[in-house]
Amino acid sequence: MHLRVHGKGGKVRFIPAHPHSLRLVEAWLEAAGHGAAPAAPLFQPLHSNRGADMQPLEDGAVYRDIVRYWASAAGIDERAGLCVHSLRATAATNALQHEADIGRVQDWLGHACVSTTRLYDRRAARPEDSPTFRVKY
């Protein structure tokens, strides 16, 4: 199963979905009453979508109504730099720290150049990940 992601410049890419994530998405769709329309947008207005031409939630609403709400519920202060992009950066950094191939992370994020993806790579900032600790004496 894949998620269809619409990115900048009209680019569309398909991201493999983790089985655990799929179960959570299915539960969300069922709870939101959108389970009968698997091709519909994941985030959509609850009351204004009827019929076949379901529209996605406006871009700003995803951040304003979902990300900020749940961050606040988790005790995360928005002034600490929370934004949708910080969530994306955290996911990329986490994948790289768990030994994901940087080229695959590049594709996952939709970056045209791997040097952009390297901006998310914080592994060199940890002393234990330095090549110094890989040398055998």
N, C-alpha and C. Protein backbone atom coordinates (compact mmCIF):
# COMPACT_ATOMS: atom_id res chain seq x y z
N MET A 1 0.85 -1.18 0.00
CA MET A 1 0.00 0.00 0.00
C MET A 1 0.89 1.24 0.00
N HIS A 2 0.48 2.22 -0.75
CA HIS A 2 1.22 3.47 -0.86
C HIS A 2 0.30 4.65 -0.58
N LEU A 3 0.93 5.75 -0.19
CA LEU A 3 0.22 7.01 -0.06
C LEU A 3 0.61 7.88 -1.25
N ARG A 4 -0.36 8.53 -1.86
CA ARG A 4 -0.08 9.45 -2.97
C ARG A 4 0.12 10.83 -2.35
N VAL A 5 1.29 11.42 -2.60
CA VAL A 5 1.64 12.71 -2.01
C VAL A 5 1.78 13.73 -3.14
N HIS A 6 1.06 14.83 -2.99
CA HIS A 6 1.17 15.94 -3.95
C HIS A 6 2.14 16.95 -3.36
N GLY A 7 3.25 17.18 -4.06
CA GLY A 7 4.28 18.07 -3.56
C GLY A 7 4.35 19.37 -4.33
N LYS A 8 5.43 20.10 -4.08
CA LYS A 8 5.64 21.37 -4.76
C LYS A 8 5.77 21.17 -6.26
N GLY A 9 5.38 22.18 -7.00
CA GLY A 9 5.54 22.14 -8.45
C GLY A 9 4.65 21.12 -9.12
N GLY A 10 3.58 20.71 -8.46
CA GLY A 10 2.67 19.74 -9.06
C GLY A 10 3.20 18.31 -9.09
N LYS A 11 4.32 18.07 -8.41
CA LYS A 11 4.89 16.72 -8.40
C LYS A 11 4.02 15.78 -7.56
N VAL A 12 3.83 14.59 -8.07
CA VAL A 12 3.10 13.56 -7.34
C VAL A 12 4.06 12.39 -7.15
N ARG A 13 4.15 11.90 -5.93
CA ARG A 13 4.97 10.72 -5.69
C ARG A 13 4.21 9.75 -4.80
N PHE A 14 4.62 8.52 -4.84
CA PHE A 14 3.97 7.47 -4.07
C PHE A 14 4.92 6.98 -3.00
N ILE A 15 4.49 7.06 -1.76
CA ILE A 15 5.32 6.71 -0.61
C ILE A 15 4.81 5.40 -0.03
N PRO A 16 5.68 4.38 0.12
CA PRO A 16 5.22 3.15 0.77
C PRO A 16 4.76 3.45 2.20
N ALA A 17 3.68 2.84 2.58
CA ALA A 17 3.13 3.06 3.92
C ALA A 17 3.48 1.88 4.81
N HIS A 18 3.94 2.18 6.01
CA HIS A 18 4.25 1.15 7.00
C HIS A 18 2.94 0.48 7.43
N PRO A 19 2.91 -0.84 7.62
CA PRO A 19 1.67 -1.52 8.02
C PRO A 19 1.02 -0.94 9.28
N HIS A 20 1.84 -0.56 10.27
CA HIS A 20 1.28 0.03 11.48
C HIS A 20 0.61 1.37 11.16
N SER A 21 1.26 2.16 10.31
CA SER A 21 0.68 3.45 9.91
C SER A 21 -0.62 3.24 9.16
N LEU A 22 -0.66 2.21 8.32
CA LEU A 22 -1.89 1.93 7.58
C LEU A 22 -3.05 1.62 8.51
N ARG A 23 -2.77 0.86 9.56
CA ARG A 23 -3.84 0.56 10.53
C ARG A 23 -4.33 1.84 11.19
N LEU A 24 -3.42 2.75 11.50
CA LEU A 24 -3.82 4.02 12.11
C LEU A 24 -4.61 4.89 11.13
N VAL A 25 -4.18 4.91 9.87
CA VAL A 25 -4.91 5.68 8.85
C VAL A 25 -6.31 5.10 8.67
N GLU A 26 -6.42 3.77 8.59
CA GLU A 26 -7.74 3.14 8.44
C GLU A 26 -8.63 3.47 9.63
N ALA A 27 -8.08 3.46 10.83
CA ALA A 27 -8.86 3.80 12.02
C ALA A 27 -9.31 5.27 11.95
N TRP A 28 -8.41 6.14 11.49
CA TRP A 28 -8.75 7.56 11.34
C TRP A 28 -9.89 7.73 10.33
N LEU A 29 -9.77 7.09 9.17
CA LEU A 29 -10.80 7.22 8.14
C LEU A 29 -12.15 6.72 8.65
N GLU A 30 -12.12 5.63 9.39
CA GLU A 30 -13.36 5.08 9.94
C GLU A 30 -13.96 6.04 10.98
N ALA A 31 -13.13 6.55 11.87
CA ALA A 31 -13.61 7.47 12.90
C ALA A 31 -14.14 8.77 12.30
N ALA A 32 -13.51 9.22 11.22
CA ALA A 32 -13.93 10.47 10.57
C ALA A 32 -15.11 10.26 9.63
N GLY A 33 -15.48 8.99 9.42
CA GLY A 33 -16.60 8.71 8.52
C GLY A 33 -16.22 8.73 7.05
N HIS A 34 -14.93 8.60 6.75
CA HIS A 34 -14.46 8.64 5.36
C HIS A 34 -14.00 7.27 4.87
N GLY A 35 -14.27 6.22 5.63
CA GLY A 35 -13.76 4.89 5.29
C GLY A 35 -14.29 4.32 3.99
N ALA A 36 -15.44 4.80 3.53
CA ALA A 36 -16.04 4.24 2.31
C ALA A 36 -15.42 4.81 1.04
N ALA A 37 -14.54 5.80 1.16
CA ALA A 37 -13.95 6.44 -0.02
C ALA A 37 -12.43 6.41 0.08
N PRO A 38 -11.79 5.26 -0.23
CA PRO A 38 -10.34 5.13 -0.04
C PRO A 38 -9.51 6.07 -0.91
N ALA A 39 -10.05 6.58 -2.01
CA ALA A 39 -9.29 7.48 -2.87
C ALA A 39 -9.45 8.93 -2.45
N ALA A 40 -10.27 9.18 -1.45
CA ALA A 40 -10.53 10.55 -1.00
C ALA A 40 -9.31 11.10 -0.25
N PRO A 41 -9.21 12.42 -0.12
CA PRO A 41 -8.09 13.01 0.64
C PRO A 41 -8.11 12.52 2.09
N LEU A 42 -6.94 12.36 2.67
CA LEU A 42 -6.83 11.90 4.05
C LEU A 42 -7.45 12.90 5.02
N PHE A 43 -7.15 14.18 4.82
CA PHE A 43 -7.70 15.23 5.67
C PHE A 43 -8.70 16.03 4.86
N GLN A 44 -9.94 16.00 5.28
CA GLN A 44 -10.99 16.72 4.57
C GLN A 44 -11.98 17.29 5.57
N PRO A 45 -12.70 18.34 5.17
CA PRO A 45 -13.70 18.91 6.07
C PRO A 45 -14.74 17.86 6.45
N LEU A 46 -15.19 17.89 7.69
CA LEU A 46 -16.14 16.88 8.14
C LEU A 46 -17.54 17.06 7.58
N HIS A 47 -17.97 18.30 7.35
CA HIS A 47 -19.35 18.52 7.02
C HIS A 47 -19.61 18.98 5.59
N SER A 48 -18.62 19.52 4.91
CA SER A 48 -18.88 20.09 3.59
C SER A 48 -18.66 19.13 2.43
N ASN A 49 -18.15 17.95 2.68
CA ASN A 49 -17.89 17.01 1.59
C ASN A 49 -19.00 15.96 1.52
N ARG A 50 -19.72 16.04 0.46
CA ARG A 50 -20.77 15.05 0.21
C ARG A 50 -20.63 14.60 -1.24
N GLY A 51 -20.79 13.34 -1.50
CA GLY A 51 -20.75 12.86 -2.87
C GLY A 51 -19.36 12.51 -3.34
N ALA A 52 -19.21 12.46 -4.67
CA ALA A 52 -17.99 11.93 -5.28
C ALA A 52 -16.85 12.95 -5.36
N ASP A 53 -17.16 14.25 -5.34
CA ASP A 53 -16.10 15.24 -5.53
C ASP A 53 -15.59 15.80 -4.20
N MET A 54 -15.07 14.91 -3.38
CA MET A 54 -14.56 15.30 -2.06
C MET A 54 -13.31 16.15 -2.22
N GLN A 55 -13.25 17.22 -1.45
CA GLN A 55 -12.14 18.15 -1.50
C GLN A 55 -11.26 17.98 -0.27
N PRO A 56 -9.96 18.22 -0.42
CA PRO A 56 -9.08 18.14 0.76
C PRO A 56 -9.29 19.34 1.67
N LEU A 57 -8.89 19.18 2.90
CA LEU A 57 -8.85 20.28 3.85
C LEU A 57 -7.85 21.29 3.30
N GLU A 58 -8.12 22.57 3.42
CA GLU A 58 -7.17 23.57 2.91
C GLU A 58 -5.82 23.41 3.63
N ASP A 59 -4.74 23.72 2.93
CA ASP A 59 -3.39 23.50 3.45
C ASP A 59 -3.18 24.11 4.83
N GLY A 60 -3.58 25.34 5.03
CA GLY A 60 -3.37 26.01 6.31
C GLY A 60 -4.12 25.34 7.45
N ALA A 61 -5.25 24.71 7.13
CA ALA A 61 -6.06 24.07 8.17
C ALA A 61 -5.38 22.84 8.74
N VAL A 62 -4.60 22.13 7.93
CA VAL A 62 -3.90 20.95 8.44
C VAL A 62 -2.98 21.37 9.57
N TYR A 63 -2.23 22.45 9.36
CA TYR A 63 -1.34 22.93 10.42
C TYR A 63 -2.13 23.55 11.57
N ARG A 64 -3.03 24.47 11.23
CA ARG A 64 -3.76 25.22 12.24
C ARG A 64 -4.66 24.33 13.09
N ASP A 65 -5.38 23.42 12.47
CA ASP A 65 -6.39 22.65 13.19
C ASP A 65 -5.94 21.27 13.65
N ILE A 66 -4.89 20.74 13.06
CA ILE A 66 -4.46 19.38 13.43
C ILE A 66 -3.11 19.40 14.13
N VAL A 67 -2.08 19.88 13.45
CA VAL A 67 -0.73 19.85 14.03
C VAL A 67 -0.66 20.66 15.32
N ARG A 68 -1.13 21.90 15.28
CA ARG A 68 -1.06 22.75 16.48
C ARG A 68 -1.91 22.19 17.62
N TYR A 69 -3.08 21.67 17.29
CA TYR A 69 -3.96 21.12 18.32
C TYR A 69 -3.27 19.97 19.06
N TRP A 70 -2.74 19.00 18.31
CA TRP A 70 -2.14 17.83 18.95
C TRP A 70 -0.80 18.15 19.59
N ALA A 71 -0.06 19.10 19.05
CA ALA A 71 1.18 19.52 19.70
C ALA A 71 0.87 20.14 21.06
N SER A 72 -0.15 20.98 21.09
CA SER A 72 -0.56 21.59 22.36
C SER A 72 -1.01 20.53 23.35
N ALA A 73 -1.78 19.54 22.87
CA ALA A 73 -2.25 18.47 23.74
C ALA A 73 -1.08 17.66 24.30
N ALA A 74 0.03 17.58 23.54
CA ALA A 74 1.22 16.84 23.98
C ALA A 74 2.15 17.71 24.81
N GLY A 75 1.79 18.98 24.99
CA GLY A 75 2.61 19.87 25.80
C GLY A 75 3.78 20.49 25.04
N ILE A 76 3.73 20.48 23.72
CA ILE A 76 4.81 21.07 22.92
C ILE A 76 4.48 22.53 22.67
N ASP A 77 5.40 23.40 23.06
CA ASP A 77 5.22 24.83 22.91
C ASP A 77 5.52 25.23 21.47
N GLU A 78 4.56 25.85 20.83
CA GLU A 78 4.73 26.25 19.43
C GLU A 78 5.89 27.22 19.24
N ARG A 79 6.20 28.00 20.26
CA ARG A 79 7.30 28.96 20.14
C ARG A 79 8.66 28.27 20.08
N ALA A 80 8.70 26.97 20.32
CA ALA A 80 9.97 26.23 20.29
C ALA A 80 10.36 25.85 18.86
N GLY A 81 9.64 26.37 17.87
CA GLY A 81 10.00 26.10 16.48
C GLY A 81 9.13 25.07 15.80
N LEU A 82 7.97 24.77 16.37
CA LEU A 82 7.08 23.79 15.76
C LEU A 82 6.49 24.32 14.47
N CYS A 83 6.59 23.56 13.43
CA CYS A 83 5.92 23.86 12.17
C CYS A 83 5.82 22.55 11.40
N VAL A 84 5.05 22.56 10.33
CA VAL A 84 4.91 21.33 9.53
C VAL A 84 6.27 20.89 9.01
N HIS A 85 7.10 21.84 8.61
CA HIS A 85 8.42 21.48 8.09
C HIS A 85 9.29 20.83 9.17
N SER A 86 9.14 21.26 10.42
CA SER A 86 9.94 20.64 11.48
C SER A 86 9.55 19.18 11.67
N LEU A 87 8.29 18.85 11.43
CA LEU A 87 7.87 17.44 11.51
C LEU A 87 8.52 16.63 10.39
N ARG A 88 8.59 17.22 9.21
CA ARG A 88 9.23 16.58 8.06
C ARG A 88 10.72 16.39 8.33
N ALA A 89 11.36 17.42 8.88
CA ALA A 89 12.79 17.33 9.19
C ALA A 89 13.04 16.26 10.25
N THR A 90 12.16 16.17 11.23
CA THR A 90 12.31 15.17 12.28
C THR A 90 12.20 13.76 11.70
N ALA A 91 11.23 13.56 10.80
CA ALA A 91 11.07 12.24 10.18
C ALA A 91 12.31 11.87 9.36
N ALA A 92 12.83 12.82 8.60
CA ALA A 92 14.03 12.54 7.79
C ALA A 92 15.23 12.24 8.67
N THR A 93 15.43 13.04 9.71
CA THR A 93 16.55 12.83 10.63
C THR A 93 16.43 11.47 11.31
N ASN A 94 15.21 11.12 11.73
CA ASN A 94 14.98 9.84 12.38
C ASN A 94 15.30 8.69 11.43
N ALA A 95 14.86 8.78 10.19
CA ALA A 95 15.14 7.73 9.22
C ALA A 95 16.65 7.58 9.01
N LEU A 96 17.36 8.69 8.87
CA LEU A 96 18.81 8.64 8.67
C LEU A 96 19.52 8.07 9.89
N GLN A 97 19.08 8.43 11.08
CA GLN A 97 19.69 7.90 12.30
C GLN A 97 19.45 6.40 12.46
N HIS A 98 18.40 5.90 11.81
CA HIS A 98 18.11 4.47 11.87
C HIS A 98 18.59 3.76 10.60
N GLU A 99 19.65 4.34 9.99
CA GLU A 99 20.40 3.73 8.90
C GLU A 99 19.65 3.61 7.58
N ALA A 100 18.66 4.49 7.35
CA ALA A 100 18.03 4.53 6.03
C ALA A 100 19.05 5.08 5.03
N ASP A 101 19.02 4.59 3.83
CA ASP A 101 19.91 5.05 2.77
C ASP A 101 19.55 6.50 2.43
N ILE A 102 20.54 7.38 2.36
CA ILE A 102 20.27 8.79 2.13
C ILE A 102 19.62 9.03 0.76
N GLY A 103 19.96 8.21 -0.22
CA GLY A 103 19.33 8.33 -1.54
C GLY A 103 17.84 8.01 -1.50
N ARG A 104 17.50 7.03 -0.68
CA ARG A 104 16.07 6.68 -0.54
C ARG A 104 15.33 7.74 0.26
N VAL A 105 16.00 8.33 1.25
CA VAL A 105 15.38 9.44 1.99
C VAL A 105 15.18 10.62 1.05
N GLN A 106 16.13 10.85 0.17
CA GLN A 106 16.00 11.91 -0.84
C GLN A 106 14.74 11.71 -1.67
N ASP A 107 14.53 10.49 -2.16
CA ASP A 107 13.33 10.18 -2.94
C ASP A 107 12.07 10.35 -2.10
N TRP A 108 12.14 9.89 -0.86
CA TRP A 108 11.01 9.95 0.07
C TRP A 108 10.56 11.39 0.27
N LEU A 109 11.54 12.30 0.40
CA LEU A 109 11.22 13.70 0.62
C LEU A 109 10.92 14.45 -0.67
N GLY A 110 11.26 13.84 -1.80
CA GLY A 110 11.02 14.50 -3.08
C GLY A 110 12.06 15.55 -3.43
N HIS A 111 13.27 15.41 -2.86
CA HIS A 111 14.34 16.36 -3.17
C HIS A 111 14.96 16.04 -4.52
N ALA A 112 15.23 17.08 -5.30
CA ALA A 112 15.88 16.89 -6.60
C ALA A 112 17.36 16.58 -6.44
N CYS A 113 17.96 17.07 -5.35
CA CYS A 113 19.40 16.94 -5.15
C CYS A 113 19.68 16.38 -3.76
N VAL A 114 20.60 15.44 -3.66
CA VAL A 114 20.92 14.82 -2.38
C VAL A 114 21.54 15.82 -1.41
N SER A 115 22.13 16.90 -1.91
CA SER A 115 22.72 17.89 -1.00
C SER A 115 21.64 18.55 -0.14
N THR A 116 20.43 18.66 -0.65
CA THR A 116 19.33 19.19 0.16
C THR A 116 19.00 18.21 1.28
N THR A 117 18.99 16.93 0.97
CA THR A 117 18.69 15.91 1.97
C THR A 117 19.78 15.88 3.04
N ARG A 118 21.03 16.13 2.66
CA ARG A 118 22.14 16.12 3.63
C ARG A 118 21.94 17.17 4.72
N LEU A 119 21.15 18.20 4.47
CA LEU A 119 20.88 19.21 5.49
C LEU A 119 20.16 18.60 6.70
N TYR A 120 19.45 17.50 6.47
CA TYR A 120 18.73 16.82 7.55
C TYR A 120 19.60 15.81 8.29
N ASP A 121 20.76 15.52 7.75
CA ASP A 121 21.61 14.47 8.30
C ASP A 121 22.43 15.00 9.48
N ARG A 122 22.01 14.66 10.68
CA ARG A 122 22.66 15.14 11.90
C ARG A 122 23.57 14.08 12.53
N ARG A 123 23.80 12.99 11.81
CA ARG A 123 24.60 11.91 12.39
C ARG A 123 26.02 12.35 12.71
N ALA A 124 26.59 13.24 11.93
CA ALA A 124 27.96 13.68 12.18
C ALA A 124 28.04 14.53 13.44
N ALA A 125 26.91 15.06 13.89
CA ALA A 125 26.90 15.88 15.09
C ALA A 125 27.02 15.03 16.36
N ARG A 126 26.82 13.73 16.26
CA ARG A 126 26.94 12.85 17.42
C ARG A 126 28.34 12.25 17.42
N PRO A 127 29.12 12.46 18.48
CA PRO A 127 30.49 11.96 18.51
C PRO A 127 30.59 10.46 18.24
N GLU A 128 29.67 9.67 18.76
CA GLU A 128 29.76 8.22 18.58
C GLU A 128 29.54 7.78 17.13
N ASP A 129 29.01 8.68 16.29
CA ASP A 129 28.81 8.36 14.88
C ASP A 129 29.95 8.86 14.00
N SER A 130 30.92 9.51 14.61
CA SER A 130 32.05 10.03 13.86
C SER A 130 32.92 8.89 13.33
N PRO A 131 33.55 9.07 12.18
CA PRO A 131 34.49 8.06 11.69
C PRO A 131 35.60 7.75 12.69
N THR A 132 35.90 8.70 13.57
CA THR A 132 36.93 8.49 14.60
C THR A 132 36.62 7.23 15.42
N PHE A 133 35.35 7.00 15.70
CA PHE A 133 34.95 5.87 16.52
C PHE A 133 34.80 4.57 15.70
N ARG A 134 35.01 4.66 14.40
CA ARG A 134 34.93 3.48 13.54
C ARG A 134 36.30 2.87 13.25
N VAL A 135 37.35 3.60 13.58
CA VAL A 135 38.72 3.13 13.33
C VAL A 135 39.05 2.03 14.33
N LYS A 136 39.61 0.92 13.83
CA LYS A 136 40.03 -0.20 14.69
C LYS A 136 41.54 -0.16 14.85
N TYR A 137 41.98 -0.25 16.10
CA TYR A 137 43.41 -0.23 16.40
C TYR A 137 43.87 -1.60 16.81
